[in-house]
Every structure is written in C-alpha cells, then in structure tokens.
Amino acid sequence: MPSHAVVVAASNHSELLDRAVHRRFQLRLELPLPGKTARIAWFERFLGTFDEPVGMSPETLARKTAGASFSQLQDLAEDIRRRHVLEPGTPLRRLLPQRIAIWRDVSALETHA
C-alpha cells in the first residue's frame, strides 16, 4: 500500500479480531457509547418524523435504551417503522412500548451470548 494511503476500518467487536489485525493499524480509537444527552437528541430527531403522538418522550426512550450504541438505536428505529407499516391502524402509542420490550429482551440475550 502506498505511504500516502489512509485506511480506516471499524468494528463493533474488536475483541473478536486477532492480534495480527491490530498490528496492521498504527492507531486504534475506541468510541464510547452515546450518553443520555446524545440518545435524547437522537430520539428527538427520530420521533419528529412521525405525524402521530408516540406516547413516550425522548427522555423516557433514552432511559429505556441506556447502554445502547447508535447502531442498536437504528435497529430499534427500523423495527418500529417496519411494524408501523406491517400493522396499519396500530397506534404508535401501543406499538412503541411493545417493540422496545422485544428489543430489550433481544439485546439482553445478545449481551449474555
């Protein structure tokens, strides 16, 4: 690789990479999980895309998703949108708590796997 080239790589699971991979990069940065303020701002933007009340504040959603990465929040958002389309007529006030409960159960399983 030419000396002027820059290679950037990312992984959610650096612990699964072997030492040879780590040796090939001069710099390793660890990005912290988003804090409560960042999650609140993320949910404010997400909730702003709906035309109906969702029944939960961004603060409540941030509390319920403590310890989640932005990638996990995006997965949750996509699941909520998908369910909203697949279950027409189901109010978001009812759908959101259901999907969050399922998301939390799945997240807990993934953490302990």
C-alpha atoms as a PDB file:
ATOM      1  CA  MET A   1       0.000   0.000   0.000  1.00  0.00           C
ATOM      2  CA  PRO A   2       1.427   3.431  -0.851  1.00  0.00           C
ATOM      3  CA  SER A   3       2.612   5.559   2.069  1.00  0.00           C
ATOM      4  CA  HIS A   4       0.133   8.345   1.244  1.00  0.00           C
ATOM      5  CA  ALA A   5      -2.852   5.985   1.546  1.00  0.00           C
ATOM      6  CA  VAL A   6      -5.098   6.072   4.586  1.00  0.00           C
ATOM      7  CA  VAL A   7      -7.083   3.020   5.596  1.00  0.00           C
ATOM      8  CA  VAL A   8      -9.935   3.304   8.049  1.00  0.00           C
ATOM      9  CA  ALA A   9     -11.664   0.251   9.498  1.00  0.00           C
ATOM     10  CA  ALA A  10     -14.347  -0.169  12.117  1.00  0.00           C
ATOM     11  CA  SER A  11     -15.666  -2.997  14.220  1.00  0.00           C
ATOM     12  CA  ASN A  12     -18.315  -3.303  16.892  1.00  0.00           C
ATOM     13  CA  HIS A  13     -16.437  -6.302  18.269  1.00  0.00           C
ATOM     14  CA  SER A  14     -12.728  -5.569  18.319  1.00  0.00           C
ATOM     15  CA  GLU A  15     -12.271  -8.333  20.884  1.00  0.00           C
ATOM     16  CA  LEU A  16     -13.027 -10.839  18.104  1.00  0.00           C
ATOM     17  CA  LEU A  17     -10.158  -9.586  15.932  1.00  0.00           C
ATOM     18  CA  ASP A  18      -6.821 -11.320  16.300  1.00  0.00           C
ATOM     19  CA  ARG A  19      -3.556  -9.581  17.142  1.00  0.00           C
ATOM     20  CA  ALA A  20      -2.413  -9.646  13.515  1.00  0.00           C
ATOM     21  CA  VAL A  21      -5.270  -7.350  12.550  1.00  0.00           C
ATOM     22  CA  HIS A  22      -4.448  -4.963  15.372  1.00  0.00           C
ATOM     23  CA  ARG A  23      -0.768  -4.818  14.339  1.00  0.00           C
ATOM     24  CA  ARG A  24      -1.677  -3.559  10.880  1.00  0.00           C
ATOM     25  CA  PHE A  25      -3.093  -0.295  12.193  1.00  0.00           C
ATOM     26  CA  GLN A  26      -0.979   2.447  13.708  1.00  0.00           C
ATOM     27  CA  LEU A  27      -3.843   3.997  15.578  1.00  0.00           C
ATOM     28  CA  ARG A  28      -6.765   2.430  17.399  1.00  0.00           C
ATOM     29  CA  LEU A  29      -9.601   4.566  18.697  1.00  0.00           C
ATOM     30  CA  GLU A  30     -12.322   3.376  20.974  1.00  0.00           C
ATOM     31  CA  LEU A  31     -15.525   5.349  20.686  1.00  0.00           C
ATOM     32  CA  PRO A  32     -17.713   5.414  23.779  1.00  0.00           C
ATOM     33  CA  LEU A  33     -21.383   4.537  23.693  1.00  0.00           C
ATOM     34  CA  PRO A  34     -23.696   7.528  23.365  1.00  0.00           C
ATOM     35  CA  GLY A  35     -24.636   9.106  26.668  1.00  0.00           C
ATOM     36  CA  LYS A  36     -28.122  10.051  27.758  1.00  0.00           C
ATOM     37  CA  THR A  37     -27.962  13.517  26.169  1.00  0.00           C
ATOM     38  CA  ALA A  38     -26.915  12.070  22.800  1.00  0.00           C
ATOM     39  CA  ARG A  39     -29.658   9.438  22.945  1.00  0.00           C
ATOM     40  CA  ILE A  40     -32.255  12.115  23.806  1.00  0.00           C
ATOM     41  CA  ALA A  41     -31.170  14.166  20.777  1.00  0.00           C
ATOM     42  CA  TRP A  42     -31.272  11.040  18.584  1.00  0.00           C
ATOM     43  CA  PHE A  43     -34.810  10.197  19.725  1.00  0.00           C
ATOM     44  CA  GLU A  44     -35.955  13.810  19.260  1.00  0.00           C
ATOM     45  CA  ARG A  45     -34.970  13.560  15.583  1.00  0.00           C
ATOM     46  CA  PHE A  46     -36.488  10.093  15.210  1.00  0.00           C
ATOM     47  CA  LEU A  47     -39.804  10.972  16.858  1.00  0.00           C
ATOM     48  CA  GLY A  48     -40.028  14.152  14.801  1.00  0.00           C
ATOM     49  CA  THR A  49     -40.522  12.020  11.687  1.00  0.00           C
ATOM     50  CA  PHE A  50     -43.923  10.745  12.814  1.00  0.00           C
ATOM     51  CA  ASP A  51     -47.244  12.508  12.258  1.00  0.00           C
ATOM     52  CA  GLU A  52     -48.919  11.000  15.298  1.00  0.00           C
ATOM     53  CA  PRO A  53     -48.152  11.056  19.023  1.00  0.00           C
ATOM     54  CA  VAL A  54     -45.949   8.181  20.153  1.00  0.00           C
ATOM     55  CA  GLY A  55     -46.797   8.279  23.836  1.00  0.00           C
ATOM     56  CA  MET A  56     -43.194   8.444  25.089  1.00  0.00           C
ATOM     57  CA  SER A  57     -40.814  11.327  25.474  1.00  0.00           C
ATOM     58  CA  PRO A  58     -37.264  11.279  24.111  1.00  0.00           C
ATOM     59  CA  GLU A  59     -36.082  11.286  27.746  1.00  0.00           C
ATOM     60  CA  THR A  60     -38.061   8.132  28.533  1.00  0.00           C
ATOM     61  CA  LEU A  61     -36.770   6.405  25.421  1.00  0.00           C
ATOM     62  CA  ALA A  62     -33.195   7.412  26.265  1.00  0.00           C
ATOM     63  CA  ARG A  63     -33.621   5.940  29.745  1.00  0.00           C
ATOM     64  CA  LYS A  64     -35.040   2.696  28.349  1.00  0.00           C
ATOM     65  CA  THR A  65     -32.126   2.354  25.926  1.00  0.00           C
ATOM     66  CA  ALA A  66     -29.270   3.040  28.358  1.00  0.00           C
ATOM     67  CA  GLY A  67     -26.071   1.342  27.216  1.00  0.00           C
ATOM     68  CA  ALA A  68     -27.163   1.091  23.577  1.00  0.00           C
ATOM     69  CA  SER A  69     -24.990   2.060  20.639  1.00  0.00           C
ATOM     70  CA  PHE A  70     -26.240   4.241  17.801  1.00  0.00           C
ATOM     71  CA  SER A  71     -26.282   1.091  15.663  1.00  0.00           C
ATOM     72  CA  GLN A  72     -28.624  -0.580  18.141  1.00  0.00           C
ATOM     73  CA  LEU A  73     -30.842   2.513  18.245  1.00  0.00           C
ATOM     74  CA  GLN A  74     -31.023   2.445  14.461  1.00  0.00           C
ATOM     75  CA  ASP A  75     -32.045  -1.236  14.558  1.00  0.00           C
ATOM     76  CA  LEU A  76     -34.803  -0.350  17.015  1.00  0.00           C
ATOM     77  CA  ALA A  77     -35.971   2.552  14.836  1.00  0.00           C
ATOM     78  CA  GLU A  78     -36.099   0.367  11.731  1.00  0.00           C
ATOM     79  CA  ASP A  79     -38.073  -2.268  13.625  1.00  0.00           C
ATOM     80  CA  ILE A  80     -40.575   0.350  14.802  1.00  0.00           C
ATOM     81  CA  ARG A  81     -41.005   1.729  11.276  1.00  0.00           C
ATOM     82  CA  ARG A  82     -41.374  -1.770   9.824  1.00  0.00           C
ATOM     83  CA  ARG A  83     -44.047  -2.700  12.375  1.00  0.00           C
ATOM     84  CA  HIS A  84     -45.846   0.577  11.801  1.00  0.00           C
ATOM     85  CA  VAL A  85     -46.175  -0.347   8.111  1.00  0.00           C
ATOM     86  CA  LEU A  86     -46.964  -4.036   8.684  1.00  0.00           C
ATOM     87  CA  GLU A  87     -49.605  -3.311  11.323  1.00  0.00           C
ATOM     88  CA  PRO A  88     -51.654  -0.482   9.802  1.00  0.00           C
ATOM     89  CA  GLY A  89     -54.013   1.172  12.211  1.00  0.00           C
ATOM     90  CA  THR A  90     -51.967   0.201  15.271  1.00  0.00           C
ATOM     91  CA  PRO A  91     -51.296   3.435  17.146  1.00  0.00           C
ATOM     92  CA  LEU A  92     -47.664   4.229  17.838  1.00  0.00           C
ATOM     93  CA  ARG A  93     -48.640   4.712  21.496  1.00  0.00           C
ATOM     94  CA  ARG A  94     -49.261   0.952  21.639  1.00  0.00           C
ATOM     95  CA  LEU A  95     -46.633  -0.186  19.165  1.00  0.00           C
ATOM     96  CA  LEU A  96     -43.646   1.626  20.671  1.00  0.00           C
ATOM     97  CA  PRO A  97     -43.732   0.016  24.148  1.00  0.00           C
ATOM     98  CA  GLN A  98     -44.171  -3.438  22.582  1.00  0.00           C
ATOM     99  CA  ARG A  99     -41.212  -3.052  20.224  1.00  0.00           C
ATOM    100  CA  ILE A 100     -38.980  -1.601  22.937  1.00  0.00           C
ATOM    101  CA  ALA A 101     -39.766  -4.524  25.250  1.00  0.00           C
ATOM    102  CA  ILE A 102     -38.892  -7.001  22.496  1.00  0.00           C
ATOM    103  CA  TRP A 103     -35.763  -5.046  21.585  1.00  0.00           C
ATOM    104  CA  ARG A 104     -34.617  -5.034  25.224  1.00  0.00           C
ATOM    105  CA  ASP A 105     -35.188  -8.802  25.530  1.00  0.00           C
ATOM    106  CA  VAL A 106     -33.187  -9.469  22.345  1.00  0.00           C
ATOM    107  CA  SER A 107     -30.433  -7.062  23.434  1.00  0.00           C
ATOM    108  CA  ALA A 108     -30.197  -8.839  26.788  1.00  0.00           C
ATOM    109  CA  LEU A 109     -29.856 -12.196  25.051  1.00  0.00           C
ATOM    110  CA  GLU A 110     -27.138 -10.873  22.744  1.00  0.00           C
ATOM    111  CA  THR A 111     -25.227  -9.435  25.698  1.00  0.00           C
ATOM    112  CA  HIS A 112     -25.230 -12.769  27.523  1.00  0.00           C
ATOM    113  CA  ALA A 113     -24.445 -14.893  24.456  1.00  0.00           C
END
